[in-house]
Amino acid sequence: MVNHYKKSLLDYLNLLHQARKQPMKNPQKWKILQEKLVQRLFYIGRKIREKKDEVNAIHQLRKNSERRLTKEQSVSAKDRISYLEDQIDEYHWLIDGFKSIGDGIAYTFISRYDLKP
């Protein structure tokens, strides 16, 4: 999944590097980059919520005492949960990458020693 977002990460980094060359010349580039980052972060956040909802639904299905799953269904449900949790971890990694690009915007105009952690 990370390979799916590799192009957009590289595009955003390229935009950041181009805008850093002359930061005060074209403020429209900064605005476009920030809007794209915010849209992407909201999209990924929505995907994480969807995956977590699916994991919770599978957990509820597995723990339902009225309707027990067969062994094969239970193994398949566990595999699906593991796959979804791996996807959630990858989405969190992507969020860190996109936030790092946002930090690059802030560090362009403000010294890193002036910002609080």
PDB file of N, CA and C in Angstrom:
ATOM      1  N   MET A   1       0.821  -1.182   0.000  1.00  0.00           N
ATOM      2  CA  MET A   1       0.000   0.000   0.000  1.00  0.00           C
ATOM      3  C   MET A   1       0.873   1.256   0.000  1.00  0.00           C
ATOM      4  N   VAL A   2       2.010   1.188   0.656  1.00  0.00           N
ATOM      5  CA  VAL A   2       2.884   2.356   0.697  1.00  0.00           C
ATOM      6  C   VAL A   2       3.345   2.703  -0.720  1.00  0.00           C
ATOM      7  N   ASN A   3       3.545   1.681  -1.548  1.00  0.00           N
ATOM      8  CA  ASN A   3       3.943   1.940  -2.939  1.00  0.00           C
ATOM      9  C   ASN A   3       2.859   2.698  -3.690  1.00  0.00           C
ATOM     10  N   HIS A   4       1.620   2.499  -3.288  1.00  0.00           N
ATOM     11  CA  HIS A   4       0.510   3.208  -3.922  1.00  0.00           C
ATOM     12  C   HIS A   4       0.622   4.720  -3.682  1.00  0.00           C
ATOM     13  N   TYR A   5       1.105   5.104  -2.525  1.00  0.00           N
ATOM     14  CA  TYR A   5       1.220   6.522  -2.167  1.00  0.00           C
ATOM     15  C   TYR A   5       2.621   7.082  -2.408  1.00  0.00           C
ATOM     16  N   LYS A   6       3.527   6.260  -2.911  1.00  0.00           N
ATOM     17  CA  LYS A   6       4.904   6.701  -3.120  1.00  0.00           C
ATOM     18  C   LYS A   6       4.980   7.882  -4.073  1.00  0.00           C
ATOM     19  N   LYS A   7       4.216   7.835  -5.157  1.00  0.00           N
ATOM     20  CA  LYS A   7       4.245   8.916  -6.145  1.00  0.00           C
ATOM     21  C   LYS A   7       3.773  10.228  -5.530  1.00  0.00           C
ATOM     22  N   SER A   8       2.695  10.186  -4.742  1.00  0.00           N
ATOM     23  CA  SER A   8       2.200  11.432  -4.153  1.00  0.00           C
ATOM     24  C   SER A   8       3.182  11.965  -3.113  1.00  0.00           C
ATOM     25  N   LEU A   9       3.807  11.074  -2.334  1.00  0.00           N
ATOM     26  CA  LEU A   9       4.827  11.529  -1.382  1.00  0.00           C
ATOM     27  C   LEU A   9       5.978  12.217  -2.104  1.00  0.00           C
ATOM     28  N   LEU A  10       6.442  11.609  -3.182  1.00  0.00           N
ATOM     29  CA  LEU A  10       7.544  12.206  -3.937  1.00  0.00           C
ATOM     30  C   LEU A  10       7.129  13.510  -4.607  1.00  0.00           C
ATOM     31  N   ASP A  11       5.894  13.578  -5.094  1.00  0.00           N
ATOM     32  CA  ASP A  11       5.402  14.818  -5.704  1.00  0.00           C
ATOM     33  C   ASP A  11       5.358  15.947  -4.676  1.00  0.00           C
ATOM     34  N   TYR A  12       4.869  15.639  -3.474  1.00  0.00           N
ATOM     35  CA  TYR A  12       4.792  16.660  -2.428  1.00  0.00           C
ATOM     36  C   TYR A  12       6.186  17.101  -1.989  1.00  0.00           C
ATOM     37  N   LEU A  13       7.109  16.158  -1.895  1.00  0.00           N
ATOM     38  CA  LEU A  13       8.488  16.528  -1.558  1.00  0.00           C
ATOM     39  C   LEU A  13       9.105  17.396  -2.641  1.00  0.00           C
ATOM     40  N   ASN A  14       8.818  17.077  -3.885  1.00  0.00           N
ATOM     41  CA  ASN A  14       9.319  17.877  -4.997  1.00  0.00           C
ATOM     42  C   ASN A  14       8.743  19.294  -4.939  1.00  0.00           C
ATOM     43  N   LEU A  15       7.439  19.408  -4.666  1.00  0.00           N
ATOM     44  CA  LEU A  15       6.824  20.736  -4.520  1.00  0.00           C
ATOM     45  C   LEU A  15       7.471  21.517  -3.377  1.00  0.00           C
ATOM     46  N   LEU A  16       7.743  20.827  -2.276  1.00  0.00           N
ATOM     47  CA  LEU A  16       8.381  21.483  -1.127  1.00  0.00           C
ATOM     48  C   LEU A  16       9.762  21.998  -1.494  1.00  0.00           C
ATOM     49  N   HIS A  17      10.548  21.175  -2.177  1.00  0.00           N
ATOM     50  CA  HIS A  17      11.900  21.602  -2.553  1.00  0.00           C
ATOM     51  C   HIS A  17      11.876  22.746  -3.556  1.00  0.00           C
ATOM     52  N   GLN A  18      10.918  22.729  -4.487  1.00  0.00           N
ATOM     53  CA  GLN A  18      10.810  23.829  -5.443  1.00  0.00           C
ATOM     54  C   GLN A  18      10.411  25.123  -4.747  1.00  0.00           C
ATOM     55  N   ALA A  19       9.492  25.024  -3.812  1.00  0.00           N
ATOM     56  CA  ALA A  19       9.024  26.223  -3.125  1.00  0.00           C
ATOM     57  C   ALA A  19      10.080  26.760  -2.174  1.00  0.00           C
ATOM     58  N   ARG A  20      10.945  25.901  -1.659  1.00  0.00           N
ATOM     59  CA  ARG A  20      11.990  26.343  -0.736  1.00  0.00           C
ATOM     60  C   ARG A  20      13.086  27.155  -1.419  1.00  0.00           C
ATOM     61  N   LYS A  21      13.241  26.980  -2.713  1.00  0.00           N
ATOM     62  CA  LYS A  21      14.287  27.700  -3.423  1.00  0.00           C
ATOM     63  C   LYS A  21      14.052  29.203  -3.361  1.00  0.00           C
ATOM     64  N   GLN A  22      12.813  29.613  -3.523  1.00  0.00           N
ATOM     65  CA  GLN A  22      12.439  31.029  -3.414  1.00  0.00           C
ATOM     66  C   GLN A  22      11.142  31.095  -2.606  1.00  0.00           C
ATOM     67  N   PRO A  23      11.250  31.032  -1.286  1.00  0.00           N
ATOM     68  CA  PRO A  23      10.048  30.891  -0.459  1.00  0.00           C
ATOM     69  C   PRO A  23       9.096  32.073  -0.515  1.00  0.00           C
ATOM     70  N   MET A  24       9.592  33.268  -0.678  1.00  0.00           N
ATOM     71  CA  MET A  24       8.714  34.435  -0.652  1.00  0.00           C
ATOM     72  C   MET A  24       8.198  34.831  -2.036  1.00  0.00           C
ATOM     73  N   LYS A  25       8.709  34.186  -3.070  1.00  0.00           N
ATOM     74  CA  LYS A  25       8.352  34.598  -4.422  1.00  0.00           C
ATOM     75  C   LYS A  25       6.922  34.183  -4.806  1.00  0.00           C
ATOM     76  N   ASN A  26       6.539  32.967  -4.467  1.00  0.00           N
ATOM     77  CA  ASN A  26       5.226  32.486  -4.889  1.00  0.00           C
ATOM     78  C   ASN A  26       4.505  31.824  -3.715  1.00  0.00           C
ATOM     79  N   PRO A  27       3.717  32.595  -2.954  1.00  0.00           N
ATOM     80  CA  PRO A  27       3.013  32.000  -1.805  1.00  0.00           C
ATOM     81  C   PRO A  27       1.900  31.039  -2.229  1.00  0.00           C
ATOM     82  N   GLN A  28       1.494  31.095  -3.481  1.00  0.00           N
ATOM     83  CA  GLN A  28       0.435  30.197  -3.959  1.00  0.00           C
ATOM     84  C   GLN A  28       0.888  28.738  -3.920  1.00  0.00           C
ATOM     85  N   LYS A  29       2.190  28.496  -4.153  1.00  0.00           N
ATOM     86  CA  LYS A  29       2.717  27.134  -4.090  1.00  0.00           C
ATOM     87  C   LYS A  29       2.562  26.557  -2.682  1.00  0.00           C
ATOM     88  N   TRP A  30       2.804  27.395  -1.683  1.00  0.00           N
ATOM     89  CA  TRP A  30       2.679  26.940  -0.294  1.00  0.00           C
ATOM     90  C   TRP A  30       1.231  26.586   0.022  1.00  0.00           C
ATOM     91  N   LYS A  31       0.330  27.422  -0.463  1.00  0.00           N
ATOM     92  CA  LYS A  31      -1.091  27.179  -0.200  1.00  0.00           C
ATOM     93  C   LYS A  31      -1.550  25.879  -0.855  1.00  0.00           C
ATOM     94  N   ILE A  32      -1.148  25.662  -2.083  1.00  0.00           N
ATOM     95  CA  ILE A  32      -1.525  24.443  -2.792  1.00  0.00           C
ATOM     96  C   ILE A  32      -0.972  23.210  -2.078  1.00  0.00           C
ATOM     97  N   LEU A  33       0.280  23.285  -1.677  1.00  0.00           N
ATOM     98  CA  LEU A  33       0.904  22.161  -0.982  1.00  0.00           C
ATOM     99  C   LEU A  33       0.197  21.865   0.337  1.00  0.00           C
ATOM    100  N   GLN A  34      -0.114  22.902   1.097  1.00  0.00           N
ATOM    101  CA  GLN A  34      -0.805  22.703   2.375  1.00  0.00           C
ATOM    102  C   GLN A  34      -2.194  22.113   2.168  1.00  0.00           C
ATOM    103  N   GLU A  35      -2.919  22.588   1.161  1.00  0.00           N
ATOM    104  CA  GLU A  35      -4.261  22.053   0.901  1.00  0.00           C
ATOM    105  C   GLU A  35      -4.191  20.580   0.500  1.00  0.00           C
ATOM    106  N   LYS A  36      -3.219  20.232  -0.326  1.00  0.00           N
ATOM    107  CA  LYS A  36      -3.072  18.836  -0.724  1.00  0.00           C
ATOM    108  C   LYS A  36      -2.734  17.951   0.477  1.00  0.00           C
ATOM    109  N   LEU A  37      -1.861  18.448   1.347  1.00  0.00           N
ATOM    110  CA  LEU A  37      -1.498  17.676   2.533  1.00  0.00           C
ATOM    111  C   LEU A  37      -2.694  17.464   3.457  1.00  0.00           C
ATOM    112  N   VAL A  38      -3.472  18.508   3.664  1.00  0.00           N
ATOM    113  CA  VAL A  38      -4.640  18.395   4.544  1.00  0.00           C
ATOM    114  C   VAL A  38      -5.652  17.423   3.958  1.00  0.00           C
ATOM    115  N   GLN A  39      -5.896  17.519   2.660  1.00  0.00           N
ATOM    116  CA  GLN A  39      -6.834  16.595   2.019  1.00  0.00           C
ATOM    117  C   GLN A  39      -6.362  15.150   2.155  1.00  0.00           C
ATOM    118  N   ARG A  40      -5.078  14.929   1.942  1.00  0.00           N
ATOM    119  CA  ARG A  40      -4.535  13.572   2.021  1.00  0.00           C
ATOM    120  C   ARG A  40      -4.607  13.042   3.451  1.00  0.00           C
ATOM    121  N   LEU A  41      -4.321  13.899   4.433  1.00  0.00           N
ATOM    122  CA  LEU A  41      -4.379  13.457   5.832  1.00  0.00           C
ATOM    123  C   LEU A  41      -5.803  13.116   6.251  1.00  0.00           C
ATOM    124  N   PHE A  42      -6.779  13.901   5.807  1.00  0.00           N
ATOM    125  CA  PHE A  42      -8.174  13.582   6.123  1.00  0.00           C
ATOM    126  C   PHE A  42      -8.597  12.277   5.450  1.00  0.00           C
ATOM    127  N   TYR A  43      -8.158  12.074   4.218  1.00  0.00           N
ATOM    128  CA  TYR A  43      -8.493  10.847   3.504  1.00  0.00           C
ATOM    129  C   TYR A  43      -7.920   9.622   4.220  1.00  0.00           C
ATOM    130  N   ILE A  44      -6.660   9.709   4.620  1.00  0.00           N
ATOM    131  CA  ILE A  44      -6.024   8.583   5.310  1.00  0.00           C
ATOM    132  C   ILE A  44      -6.672   8.355   6.670  1.00  0.00           C
ATOM    133  N   GLY A  45      -7.021   9.425   7.356  1.00  0.00           N
ATOM    134  CA  GLY A  45      -7.718   9.278   8.643  1.00  0.00           C
ATOM    135  C   GLY A  45      -9.045   8.564   8.481  1.00  0.00           C
ATOM    136  N   ARG A  46      -9.763   8.876   7.406  1.00  0.00           N
ATOM    137  CA  ARG A  46     -11.029   8.200   7.134  1.00  0.00           C
ATOM    138  C   ARG A  46     -10.803   6.721   6.840  1.00  0.00           C
ATOM    139  N   LYS A  47      -9.755   6.401   6.100  1.00  0.00           N
ATOM    140  CA  LYS A  47      -9.439   5.007   5.802  1.00  0.00           C
ATOM    141  C   LYS A  47      -9.090   4.237   7.077  1.00  0.00           C
ATOM    142  N   ILE A  48      -8.358   4.876   7.990  1.00  0.00           N
ATOM    143  CA  ILE A  48      -8.021   4.223   9.257  1.00  0.00           C
ATOM    144  C   ILE A  48      -9.284   3.922  10.047  1.00  0.00           C
ATOM    145  N   ARG A  49     -10.202   4.878  10.103  1.00  0.00           N
ATOM    146  CA  ARG A  49     -11.459   4.641  10.832  1.00  0.00           C
ATOM    147  C   ARG A  49     -12.252   3.499  10.209  1.00  0.00           C
ATOM    148  N   GLU A  50     -12.278   3.433   8.879  1.00  0.00           N
ATOM    149  CA  GLU A  50     -12.993   2.347   8.208  1.00  0.00           C
ATOM    150  C   GLU A  50     -12.372   0.997   8.546  1.00  0.00           C
ATOM    151  N   LYS A  51     -11.052   0.921   8.527  1.00  0.00           N
ATOM    152  CA  LYS A  51     -10.376  -0.344   8.835  1.00  0.00           C
ATOM    153  C   LYS A  51     -10.611  -0.745  10.284  1.00  0.00           C
ATOM    154  N   LYS A  52     -10.567   0.225  11.201  1.00  0.00           N
ATOM    155  CA  LYS A  52     -10.818  -0.082  12.612  1.00  0.00           C
ATOM    156  C   LYS A  52     -12.255  -0.540  12.826  1.00  0.00           C
ATOM    157  N   ASP A  53     -13.197   0.071  12.134  1.00  0.00           N
ATOM    158  CA  ASP A  53     -14.593  -0.367  12.240  1.00  0.00           C
ATOM    159  C   ASP A  53     -14.751  -1.806  11.746  1.00  0.00           C
ATOM    160  N   GLU A  54     -14.046  -2.123  10.671  1.00  0.00           N
ATOM    161  CA  GLU A  54     -14.121  -3.488  10.150  1.00  0.00           C
ATOM    162  C   GLU A  54     -13.512  -4.489  11.135  1.00  0.00           C
ATOM    163  N   VAL A  55     -12.396  -4.121  11.762  1.00  0.00           N
ATOM    164  CA  VAL A  55     -11.780  -4.988  12.770  1.00  0.00           C
ATOM    165  C   VAL A  55     -12.741  -5.202  13.934  1.00  0.00           C
ATOM    166  N   ASN A  56     -13.381  -4.132  14.388  1.00  0.00           N
ATOM    167  CA  ASN A  56     -14.333  -4.261  15.498  1.00  0.00           C
ATOM    168  C   ASN A  56     -15.521  -5.135  15.115  1.00  0.00           C
ATOM    169  N   ALA A  57     -15.988  -5.019  13.885  1.00  0.00           N
ATOM    170  CA  ALA A  57     -17.107  -5.853  13.440  1.00  0.00           C
ATOM    171  C   ALA A  57     -16.713  -7.328  13.421  1.00  0.00           C
ATOM    172  N   ILE A  58     -15.504  -7.621  12.989  1.00  0.00           N
ATOM    173  CA  ILE A  58     -15.040  -9.008  12.979  1.00  0.00           C
ATOM    174  C   ILE A  58     -14.893  -9.534  14.402  1.00  0.00           C
ATOM    175  N   HIS A  59     -14.367  -8.687  15.305  1.00  0.00           N
ATOM    176  CA  HIS A  59     -14.248  -9.104  16.711  1.00  0.00           C
ATOM    177  C   HIS A  59     -15.623  -9.410  17.297  1.00  0.00           C
ATOM    178  N   GLN A  60     -16.607  -8.582  17.016  1.00  0.00           N
ATOM    179  CA  GLN A  60     -17.955  -8.828  17.538  1.00  0.00           C
ATOM    180  C   GLN A  60     -18.537 -10.108  16.955  1.00  0.00           C
ATOM    181  N   LEU A  61     -18.267 -10.365  15.700  1.00  0.00           N
ATOM    182  CA  LEU A  61     -18.755 -11.588  15.068  1.00  0.00           C
ATOM    183  C   LEU A  61     -18.111 -12.819  15.711  1.00  0.00           C
ATOM    184  N   ARG A  62     -16.826 -12.721  15.995  1.00  0.00           N
ATOM    185  CA  ARG A  62     -16.116 -13.848  16.608  1.00  0.00           C
ATOM    186  C   ARG A  62     -16.572 -14.099  18.043  1.00  0.00           C
ATOM    187  N   LYS A  63     -16.946 -13.053  18.746  1.00  0.00           N
ATOM    188  CA  LYS A  63     -17.298 -13.198  20.157  1.00  0.00           C
ATOM    189  C   LYS A  63     -18.792 -13.386  20.389  1.00  0.00           C
ATOM    190  N   ASN A  64     -19.547 -13.493  19.319  1.00  0.00           N
ATOM    191  CA  ASN A  64     -20.989 -13.691  19.431  1.00  0.00           C
ATOM    192  C   ASN A  64     -21.250 -15.110  19.935  1.00  0.00           C
ATOM    193  N   SER A  65     -21.841 -15.231  21.123  1.00  0.00           N
ATOM    194  CA  SER A  65     -22.065 -16.549  21.710  1.00  0.00           C
ATOM    195  C   SER A  65     -23.260 -17.258  21.079  1.00  0.00           C
ATOM    196  N   GLU A  66     -24.156 -16.521  20.458  1.00  0.00           N
ATOM    197  CA  GLU A  66     -25.328 -17.140  19.843  1.00  0.00           C
ATOM    198  C   GLU A  66     -24.974 -17.875  18.546  1.00  0.00           C
ATOM    199  N   ARG A  67     -24.055 -17.321  17.808  1.00  0.00           N
ATOM    200  CA  ARG A  67     -23.668 -17.929  16.539  1.00  0.00           C
ATOM    201  C   ARG A  67     -22.158 -18.123  16.525  1.00  0.00           C
ATOM    202  N   ARG A  68     -21.744 -19.350  16.768  1.00  0.00           N
ATOM    203  CA  ARG A  68     -20.311 -19.636  16.816  1.00  0.00           C
ATOM    204  C   ARG A  68     -19.778 -19.879  15.408  1.00  0.00           C
ATOM    205  N   LEU A  69     -18.554 -19.441  15.192  1.00  0.00           N
ATOM    206  CA  LEU A  69     -17.908 -19.658  13.898  1.00  0.00           C
ATOM    207  C   LEU A  69     -17.242 -21.027  13.881  1.00  0.00           C
ATOM    208  N   THR A  70     -17.128 -21.594  12.699  1.00  0.00           N
ATOM    209  CA  THR A  70     -16.375 -22.836  12.573  1.00  0.00           C
ATOM    210  C   THR A  70     -14.888 -22.514  12.694  1.00  0.00           C
ATOM    211  N   LYS A  71     -14.096 -23.551  12.825  1.00  0.00           N
ATOM    212  CA  LYS A  71     -12.659 -23.341  12.965  1.00  0.00           C
ATOM    213  C   LYS A  71     -12.072 -22.638  11.744  1.00  0.00           C
ATOM    214  N   GLU A  72     -12.510 -23.026  10.555  1.00  0.00           N
ATOM    215  CA  GLU A  72     -11.991 -22.397   9.336  1.00  0.00           C
ATOM    216  C   GLU A  72     -12.399 -20.928   9.273  1.00  0.00           C
ATOM    217  N   GLN A  73     -13.642 -20.641   9.647  1.00  0.00           N
ATOM    218  CA  GLN A  73     -14.102 -19.255   9.638  1.00  0.00           C
ATOM    219  C   GLN A  73     -13.357 -18.416  10.667  1.00  0.00           C
ATOM    220  N   SER A  74     -13.078 -19.017  11.816  1.00  0.00           N
ATOM    221  CA  SER A  74     -12.353 -18.302  12.863  1.00  0.00           C
ATOM    222  C   SER A  74     -10.918 -17.999  12.425  1.00  0.00           C
ATOM    223  N   VAL A  75     -10.267 -18.961  11.805  1.00  0.00           N
ATOM    224  CA  VAL A  75      -8.902 -18.741  11.304  1.00  0.00           C
ATOM    225  C   VAL A  75      -8.910 -17.674  10.222  1.00  0.00           C
ATOM    226  N   SER A  76      -9.897 -17.735   9.343  1.00  0.00           N
ATOM    227  CA  SER A  76      -9.997 -16.726   8.291  1.00  0.00           C
ATOM    228  C   SER A  76     -10.251 -15.336   8.879  1.00  0.00           C
ATOM    229  N   ALA A  77     -11.079 -15.256   9.923  1.00  0.00           N
ATOM    230  CA  ALA A  77     -11.353 -13.971  10.574  1.00  0.00           C
ATOM    231  C   ALA A  77     -10.093 -13.425  11.234  1.00  0.00           C
ATOM    232  N   LYS A  78      -9.320 -14.298  11.881  1.00  0.00           N
ATOM    233  CA  LYS A  78      -8.065 -13.858  12.511  1.00  0.00           C
ATOM    234  C   LYS A  78      -7.071 -13.357  11.472  1.00  0.00           C
ATOM    235  N   ASP A  79      -7.001 -14.055  10.342  1.00  0.00           N
ATOM    236  CA  ASP A  79      -6.113 -13.613   9.260  1.00  0.00           C
ATOM    237  C   ASP A  79      -6.538 -12.249   8.730  1.00  0.00           C
ATOM    238  N   ARG A  80      -7.840 -12.061   8.587  1.00  0.00           N
ATOM    239  CA  ARG A  80      -8.355 -10.774   8.108  1.00  0.00           C
ATOM    240  C   ARG A  80      -8.037  -9.659   9.092  1.00  0.00           C
ATOM    241  N   ILE A  81      -8.183  -9.933  10.386  1.00  0.00           N
ATOM    242  CA  ILE A  81      -7.855  -8.943  11.423  1.00  0.00           C
ATOM    243  C   ILE A  81      -6.377  -8.579  11.351  1.00  0.00           C
ATOM    244  N   SER A  82      -5.529  -9.590  11.199  1.00  0.00           N
ATOM    245  CA  SER A  82      -4.087  -9.337  11.105  1.00  0.00           C
ATOM    246  C   SER A  82      -3.769  -8.476   9.881  1.00  0.00           C
ATOM    247  N   TYR A  83      -4.398  -8.780   8.752  1.00  0.00           N
ATOM    248  CA  TYR A  83      -4.177  -8.009   7.533  1.00  0.00           C
ATOM    249  C   TYR A  83      -4.631  -6.558   7.709  1.00  0.00           C
ATOM    250  N   LEU A  84      -5.798  -6.361   8.317  1.00  0.00           N
ATOM    251  CA  LEU A  84      -6.312  -5.007   8.526  1.00  0.00           C
ATOM    252  C   LEU A  84      -5.431  -4.220   9.482  1.00  0.00           C
ATOM    253  N   GLU A  85      -4.928  -4.864  10.519  1.00  0.00           N
ATOM    254  CA  GLU A  85      -4.046  -4.165  11.461  1.00  0.00           C
ATOM    255  C   GLU A  85      -2.729  -3.778  10.801  1.00  0.00           C
ATOM    256  N   ASP A  86      -2.235  -4.622   9.894  1.00  0.00           N
ATOM    257  CA  ASP A  86      -1.034  -4.246   9.133  1.00  0.00           C
ATOM    258  C   ASP A  86      -1.306  -3.030   8.251  1.00  0.00           C
ATOM    259  N   GLN A  87      -2.480  -2.996   7.633  1.00  0.00           N
ATOM    260  CA  GLN A  87      -2.844  -1.838   6.814  1.00  0.00           C
ATOM    261  C   GLN A  87      -2.941  -0.571   7.666  1.00  0.00           C
ATOM    262  N   ILE A  88      -3.505  -0.690   8.853  1.00  0.00           N
ATOM    263  CA  ILE A  88      -3.611   0.463   9.747  1.00  0.00           C
ATOM    264  C   ILE A  88      -2.226   0.976  10.106  1.00  0.00           C
ATOM    265  N   ASP A  89      -1.290   0.059  10.375  1.00  0.00           N
ATOM    266  CA  ASP A  89       0.089   0.464  10.679  1.00  0.00           C
ATOM    267  C   ASP A  89       0.718   1.195   9.496  1.00  0.00           C
ATOM    268  N   GLU A  90       0.468   0.706   8.287  1.00  0.00           N
ATOM    269  CA  GLU A  90       1.013   1.374   7.110  1.00  0.00           C
ATOM    270  C   GLU A  90       0.396   2.757   6.923  1.00  0.00           C
ATOM    271  N   TYR A  91      -0.888   2.894   7.200  1.00  0.00           N
ATOM    272  CA  TYR A  91      -1.529   4.210   7.113  1.00  0.00           C
ATOM    273  C   TYR A  91      -0.917   5.179   8.128  1.00  0.00           C
ATOM    274  N   HIS A  92      -0.602   4.684   9.329  1.00  0.00           N
ATOM    275  CA  HIS A  92       0.033   5.547  10.324  1.00  0.00           C
ATOM    276  C   HIS A  92       1.427   5.977   9.853  1.00  0.00           C
ATOM    277  N   TRP A  93       2.134   5.060   9.190  1.00  0.00           N
ATOM    278  CA  TRP A  93       3.446   5.407   8.657  1.00  0.00           C
ATOM    279  C   TRP A  93       3.306   6.505   7.601  1.00  0.00           C
ATOM    280  N   LEU A  94       2.273   6.389   6.760  1.00  0.00           N
ATOM    281  CA  LEU A  94       2.034   7.416   5.734  1.00  0.00           C
ATOM    282  C   LEU A  94       1.705   8.761   6.365  1.00  0.00           C
ATOM    283  N   ILE A  95       0.916   8.743   7.428  1.00  0.00           N
ATOM    284  CA  ILE A  95       0.587   9.998   8.116  1.00  0.00           C
ATOM    285  C   ILE A  95       1.858  10.663   8.625  1.00  0.00           C
ATOM    286  N   ASP A  96       2.770   9.865   9.190  1.00  0.00           N
ATOM    287  CA  ASP A  96       4.039  10.431   9.656  1.00  0.00           C
ATOM    288  C   ASP A  96       4.814  11.064   8.505  1.00  0.00           C
ATOM    289  N   GLY A  97       4.812  10.413   7.349  1.00  0.00           N
ATOM    290  CA  GLY A  97       5.508  10.962   6.190  1.00  0.00           C
ATOM    291  C   GLY A  97       4.912  12.279   5.724  1.00  0.00           C
ATOM    292  N   PHE A  98       3.589  12.330   5.642  1.00  0.00           N
ATOM    293  CA  PHE A  98       2.931  13.564   5.204  1.00  0.00           C
ATOM    294  C   PHE A  98       3.106  14.681   6.243  1.00  0.00           C
ATOM    295  N   LYS A  99       3.086  14.331   7.517  1.00  0.00           N
ATOM    296  CA  LYS A  99       3.304  15.346   8.555  1.00  0.00           C
ATOM    297  C   LYS A  99       4.731  15.873   8.516  1.00  0.00           C
ATOM    298  N   SER A 100       5.678  15.027   8.143  1.00  0.00           N
ATOM    299  CA  SER A 100       7.063  15.487   8.015  1.00  0.00           C
ATOM    300  C   SER A 100       7.188  16.521   6.901  1.00  0.00           C
ATOM    301  N   ILE A 101       6.442  16.333   5.826  1.00  0.00           N
ATOM    302  CA  ILE A 101       6.443  17.329   4.758  1.00  0.00           C
ATOM    303  C   ILE A 101       5.851  18.635   5.276  1.00  0.00           C
ATOM    304  N   GLY A 102       4.793  18.544   6.077  1.00  0.00           N
ATOM    305  CA  GLY A 102       4.211  19.745   6.687  1.00  0.00           C
ATOM    306  C   GLY A 102       5.194  20.436   7.607  1.00  0.00           C
ATOM    307  N   ASP A 103       5.994  19.649   8.332  1.00  0.00           N
ATOM    308  CA  ASP A 103       7.028  20.242   9.179  1.00  0.00           C
ATOM    309  C   ASP A 103       8.069  20.967   8.345  1.00  0.00           C
ATOM    310  N   GLY A 104       8.338  20.439   7.153  1.00  0.00           N
ATOM    311  CA  GLY A 104       9.286  21.102   6.257  1.00  0.00           C
ATOM    312  C   GLY A 104       8.800  22.486   5.858  1.00  0.00           C
ATOM    313  N   ILE A 105       7.489  22.625   5.732  1.00  0.00           N
ATOM    314  CA  ILE A 105       6.923  23.941   5.426  1.00  0.00           C
ATOM    315  C   ILE A 105       7.185  24.897   6.590  1.00  0.00           C
ATOM    316  N   ALA A 106       6.937  24.428   7.789  1.00  0.00           N
ATOM    317  CA  ALA A 106       7.131  25.285   8.965  1.00  0.00           C
ATOM    318  C   ALA A 106       8.597  25.651   9.139  1.00  0.00           C
ATOM    319  N   TYR A 107       9.494  24.689   8.926  1.00  0.00           N
ATOM    320  CA  TYR A 107      10.924  24.957   9.120  1.00  0.00           C
ATOM    321  C   TYR A 107      11.505  25.850   8.033  1.00  0.00           C
ATOM    322  N   THR A 108      10.793  26.047   6.946  1.00  0.00           N
ATOM    323  CA  THR A 108      11.258  26.957   5.909  1.00  0.00           C
ATOM    324  C   THR A 108      11.213  28.402   6.402  1.00  0.00           C
ATOM    325  N   PHE A 109      10.191  28.731   7.166  1.00  0.00           N
ATOM    326  CA  PHE A 109       9.990  30.118   7.581  1.00  0.00           C
ATOM    327  C   PHE A 109      10.402  30.389   9.025  1.00  0.00           C
ATOM    328  N   ILE A 110      10.468  29.356   9.832  1.00  0.00           N
ATOM    329  CA  ILE A 110      10.785  29.526  11.258  1.00  0.00           C
ATOM    330  C   ILE A 110      11.967  28.633  11.598  1.00  0.00           C
ATOM    331  N   SER A 111      12.881  29.159  12.393  1.00  0.00           N
ATOM    332  CA  SER A 111      14.012  28.368  12.828  1.00  0.00           C
ATOM    333  C   SER A 111      13.528  27.192  13.683  1.00  0.00           C
ATOM    334  N   ARG A 112      14.162  26.053  13.511  1.00  0.00           N
ATOM    335  CA  ARG A 112      13.728  24.880  14.270  1.00  0.00           C
ATOM    336  C   ARG A 112      13.961  25.042  15.755  1.00  0.00           C
ATOM    337  N   TYR A 113      14.846  25.954  16.145  1.00  0.00           N
ATOM    338  CA  TYR A 113      15.099  26.180  17.566  1.00  0.00           C
ATOM    339  C   TYR A 113      14.045  27.091  18.189  1.00  0.00           C
ATOM    340  N   ASP A 114      13.282  27.795  17.360  1.00  0.00           N
ATOM    341  CA  ASP A 114      12.235  28.667  17.873  1.00  0.00           C
ATOM    342  C   ASP A 114      10.915  27.944  18.089  1.00  0.00           C
ATOM    343  N   LEU A 115      10.779  26.746  17.530  1.00  0.00           N
ATOM    344  CA  LEU A 115       9.551  25.972  17.668  1.00  0.00           C
ATOM    345  C   LEU A 115       9.625  25.070  18.894  1.00  0.00           C
ATOM    346  N   LYS A 116       8.515  24.971  19.600  1.00  0.00           N
ATOM    347  CA  LYS A 116       8.463  24.058  20.738  1.00  0.00           C
ATOM    348  C   LYS A 116       8.157  22.655  20.218  1.00  0.00           C
ATOM    349  N   PRO A 117       8.709  21.634  20.866  1.00  0.00           N
ATOM    350  CA  PRO A 117       8.438  20.262  20.415  1.00  0.00           C
ATOM    351  C   PRO A 117       6.998  19.876  20.674  1.00  0.00           C
TER     352      PRO A 117
END
